[in-house]
Amino acid sequence: MQQKSLALFRSFRSDNRKSKTCPFDRLRASSEPGRRIQNRKWAGLFAIALALAFCGAVANAQQTKEIHRIGVLFIGGRDQPHLEAFKQGLRERGLTEGKNIAIEYRYAEGKYDRLREFADELVRMKVEIIVTTSSISAHAAREVTKTVPIVMTTGNPVEEGLAESFAHPGGNVTGLSNFAQELSGKRLEILKETFPKMTRVAVLWSPQEREAAVGFKQTQEAAQGFSLQLQSVELARAEDIEKVFAEIPKRRPDALVAILHPLVTLHSKRVVEMALKHRLPGMYPTRQFAEEGGLMAYGPLIGDLYRRAATYVDKILKGAKAEELPVEAPTKFELAINLKTAKQLGVTIPQSVLFRADKVIK
């Protein structure tokens, strides 16, 4: 369409250039009836050419402004500390919300039974990708669809049976894993270095969640290397947090280790408050706990996992298949120590441990 309009425009210019008459002769000639008709003809053609060019430009602009719709399924509420990292990752790849992508947010507010409902809603909205923030969310989405790509920001897709292997997921679920086998041993190592006389450690976990069960088992295996006695503290419901913590001191543990899973993460502030109330030095799975008052935390940099999830979204929108995109493990880890809490508990953090900290809260 644009080529045809350009041809008409060039023809108009060429015809005028061929004229050899002076301006006065052309003015006089234009008064003739035949010349007036010819001028009107060319004026009409020129107007048509401009109209065709404008229509072509509008059509091209509409084609270049294709909007991709993405769904994000949260297990928690609207206060998402790592969401901005995900958006930043998208912007780094030329994907900007409101410009060439539209993001549909769904928040389960900790109500697991709502996840499937929200996942079904996103599928009916015809989103191109569903981004999930936990293994539980990914399971809910997988129950609804086996075709829409599911990208995990955190979780353990292989252990949870959502992917066949890290290298070859084999289905519609891929993304990032926050799981690393050496994490359990590293947390106990840091605790032992901080409290050399420590012999008993209470481990807070949820046996209903497979990911937490794997973490507990690995903590058990790591404890043998440090000659530590583990005390299993099972948490099944958020309503039981106070009750569970009231029982822990009776076992006289030297410290507390929390296994990463949604129930603990969603109620991290209450968990930390209960640990402080019972004067339990705690080792937690992510920096979030230390920022909320936990003594120390060691684990993957969650914000980095969210940012890297944007890479999967970009690749899938460009035609890649989820089943062919390898699941990636965390590459950045951090140790956070809260010195305010150390003072409150009356404990001293050795300089050797402080030197290793990536973040010290004073």
Foldseek 3Di string as FASTA:
>chain_A
DLVVLVVLVVVLVVVVVPDPDDPVVVVVVCVDPVNVVVVVVSVVSNVVSVVVNVVVVVVVVVVVQAEAEEEEEELADPPDPQQVLLQVLLVVVVHHDPGRYDYHYDYNNNPLVCLLVVLLVVVVVVHQEYEYAEPSSVVSNCVNDFARAYEYLEYDCCQSVQAVAQQFRQTRYAAEYQDDLCQLLVLVVLVCLQPVPFAEEEEEFAPVDRQRVVSVVSNVVSCVVVNHHYHYQHDHALVCLLVSLVCVCVVPGQAYEYGDDDRCVNPLLSNQVSCLVVLHQYEYDDCVNVVSQHFKYKGAPSSVSSSVSSVVVSVVVVPDGRRNNGHYYGDHMFMEGEVVNCVSSVGDGDPVSVVRGPYYHD
